[in-house]
Amino acid sequence: MRLETRTLAARTALVLLGGVYIAAGALKIADPMAFARSITDYDLLPDALVPAAAVLLPWWEVAAGALAVIGRWRAGALTLLAGMSAVFLAAGAATLARGLSPECGCFGPLGGRLGAVTLLVELTVLAAGVWLLRVETRKHEQV
């Protein structure tokens, strides 16, 4: 892939990835109680941790997405986004493996039920995050 094409692809993927996390986080911030119910339905966290997760996680999504897009601490932001994607993928797979099919909670009220398609989308998001992190770290190695 030529450098110009790779740069354009990386910039496009960066805006899309950051935008997805900003939008997802903002929708959850708007209704933390609904997001808390979604977290509870996954039956993975102790009840005592659900309120903190419902409040903090969306802000991390928005902050990491914004930092990745604007370029401030981009490698750290991409690491956080890829890490969150990996956790979301693992949580979704574990939930489905136990025979549960809760509301995804991914985009607040706009999300559907957790399913194989959700996991495929999350895997794609994870791959994009890892690829962008690789592009970012290579950029700094060449300087």
Protein backbone atom coordinates (compact mmCIF):
# COMPACT_ATOMS: atom_id res chain seq x y z
CA MET A 1 0.00 0.00 0.00
CA ARG A 2 1.45 3.39 -0.97
CA LEU A 3 2.20 5.82 1.84
CA GLU A 4 -0.47 8.33 0.75
CA THR A 5 -3.13 5.60 0.57
CA ARG A 6 -2.07 4.16 3.92
CA THR A 7 -2.14 7.61 5.52
CA LEU A 8 -5.61 8.32 4.13
CA ALA A 9 -6.86 4.89 5.24
CA ALA A 10 -5.38 5.39 8.72
CA ARG A 11 -6.88 8.86 9.08
CA THR A 12 -10.28 7.63 7.93
CA ALA A 13 -10.17 4.63 10.27
CA LEU A 14 -9.02 6.87 13.12
CA VAL A 15 -11.94 9.27 12.69
CA LEU A 16 -14.40 6.37 12.37
CA LEU A 17 -13.04 4.51 15.41
CA GLY A 18 -12.87 7.63 17.56
CA GLY A 19 -16.29 8.74 16.37
CA VAL A 20 -17.86 5.38 17.20
CA TYR A 21 -16.52 5.51 20.74
CA ILE A 22 -17.48 9.17 21.21
CA ALA A 23 -21.04 8.46 20.02
CA ALA A 24 -21.38 5.26 22.05
CA GLY A 25 -20.11 6.94 25.20
CA ALA A 26 -22.29 10.02 24.75
CA LEU A 27 -25.43 7.90 24.36
CA LYS A 28 -24.59 6.04 27.58
CA ILE A 29 -23.79 9.25 29.45
CA ALA A 30 -27.26 10.49 28.55
CA ASP A 31 -28.90 7.58 30.41
CA PRO A 32 -26.57 5.96 32.95
CA MET A 33 -29.40 4.02 34.59
CA ALA A 34 -30.23 2.23 31.33
CA PHE A 35 -26.56 1.46 30.81
CA ALA A 36 -26.34 0.12 34.38
CA ARG A 37 -29.24 -2.24 33.57
CA SER A 38 -27.39 -3.43 30.47
CA ILE A 39 -24.26 -4.11 32.52
CA THR A 40 -26.31 -6.00 35.11
CA ASP A 41 -27.92 -8.15 32.40
CA TYR A 42 -24.50 -9.44 31.33
CA ASP A 43 -24.17 -10.90 34.84
CA LEU A 44 -20.38 -10.51 34.90
CA LEU A 45 -19.73 -7.76 37.46
CA PRO A 46 -20.61 -7.76 41.14
CA ASP A 47 -23.66 -5.54 41.75
CA ALA A 48 -21.55 -3.18 43.87
CA LEU A 49 -19.35 -2.30 40.84
CA VAL A 50 -22.16 -1.71 38.34
CA PRO A 51 -22.93 1.94 39.26
CA ALA A 52 -19.27 2.96 39.00
CA ALA A 53 -18.86 1.12 35.68
CA ALA A 54 -22.04 2.70 34.30
CA VAL A 55 -20.78 6.19 35.12
CA LEU A 56 -17.05 5.87 34.37
CA LEU A 57 -16.93 3.65 31.29
CA PRO A 58 -18.84 6.03 28.96
CA TRP A 59 -16.56 8.93 29.92
CA TRP A 60 -13.50 6.78 29.18
CA GLU A 61 -15.01 5.96 25.78
CA VAL A 62 -15.62 9.63 24.96
CA ALA A 63 -12.23 10.78 26.25
CA ALA A 64 -10.22 8.05 24.51
CA GLY A 65 -12.15 8.51 21.27
CA ALA A 66 -11.64 12.27 21.32
CA LEU A 67 -7.94 12.03 22.21
CA ALA A 68 -7.36 9.52 19.41
CA VAL A 69 -9.05 11.79 16.86
CA ILE A 70 -7.36 15.04 17.92
CA GLY A 71 -3.98 13.37 18.26
CA ARG A 72 -3.26 14.15 21.89
CA TRP A 73 -1.68 11.09 23.54
CA ARG A 74 -2.86 9.12 20.51
CA ALA A 75 -0.92 5.93 21.26
CA GLY A 76 -2.30 5.83 24.80
CA ALA A 77 -5.82 6.56 23.57
CA LEU A 78 -5.59 3.82 20.94
CA THR A 79 -4.26 1.39 23.54
CA LEU A 80 -7.25 2.18 25.76
CA LEU A 81 -9.70 1.83 22.84
CA ALA A 82 -8.21 -1.51 21.77
CA GLY A 83 -8.22 -2.69 25.39
CA MET A 84 -11.86 -1.72 25.84
CA SER A 85 -12.73 -3.50 22.59
CA ALA A 86 -10.97 -6.65 23.79
CA VAL A 87 -12.85 -6.52 27.12
CA PHE A 88 -16.18 -5.89 25.37
CA LEU A 89 -15.51 -8.80 22.99
CA ALA A 90 -14.60 -11.15 25.84
CA ALA A 91 -17.61 -10.03 27.93
CA GLY A 92 -19.96 -10.55 25.00
CA ALA A 93 -18.54 -13.97 24.17
CA ALA A 94 -18.72 -15.08 27.82
CA THR A 95 -22.30 -13.86 28.10
CA LEU A 96 -23.42 -15.64 24.93
CA ALA A 97 -21.58 -18.81 25.98
CA ARG A 98 -23.71 -18.88 29.14
CA GLY A 99 -26.88 -18.78 27.04
CA LEU A 100 -27.75 -15.16 27.81
CA SER A 101 -28.81 -12.66 25.16
CA PRO A 102 -29.18 -9.26 26.84
CA GLU A 103 -29.54 -5.90 25.18
CA CYS A 104 -26.08 -5.04 23.93
CA GLY A 105 -25.87 -1.65 25.64
CA CYS A 106 -23.27 -0.69 23.03
CA PHE A 107 -25.06 2.43 21.82
CA GLY A 108 -27.41 3.08 24.68
CA PRO A 109 -31.02 3.04 23.49
CA LEU A 110 -29.97 2.48 19.86
CA GLY A 111 -28.39 -0.94 20.44
CA GLY A 112 -30.00 -4.27 19.79
CA ARG A 113 -29.58 -7.66 21.38
CA LEU A 114 -26.14 -9.12 21.91
CA GLY A 115 -25.39 -11.75 19.28
CA ALA A 116 -22.83 -13.12 16.86
CA VAL A 117 -23.07 -10.00 14.69
CA THR A 118 -22.27 -7.84 17.72
CA LEU A 119 -19.16 -9.92 18.38
CA LEU A 120 -18.10 -9.68 14.73
CA VAL A 121 -18.48 -5.90 14.82
CA GLU A 122 -16.48 -5.72 18.06
CA LEU A 123 -13.77 -7.93 16.57
CA THR A 124 -13.57 -5.54 13.60
CA VAL A 125 -13.32 -2.55 15.95
CA LEU A 126 -10.57 -4.32 17.90
CA ALA A 127 -8.65 -5.10 14.69
CA ALA A 128 -8.94 -1.46 13.58
CA GLY A 129 -7.68 -0.26 16.95
CA VAL A 130 -4.69 -2.62 16.91
CA TRP A 131 -3.86 -1.69 13.31
CA LEU A 132 -4.05 2.03 14.10
CA LEU A 133 -1.86 1.56 17.17
CA ARG A 134 0.69 -0.23 14.99
CA VAL A 135 0.59 2.60 12.42
CA GLU A 136 1.00 5.15 15.21
CA THR A 137 3.97 3.42 16.85
CA ARG A 138 5.70 2.86 13.50
CA LYS A 139 5.28 6.55 12.71
CA HIS A 140 7.23 7.43 15.86
CA GLU A 141 9.90 4.78 15.20
CA GLN A 142 10.67 6.34 11.80
CA VAL A 143 11.35 9.79 13.26
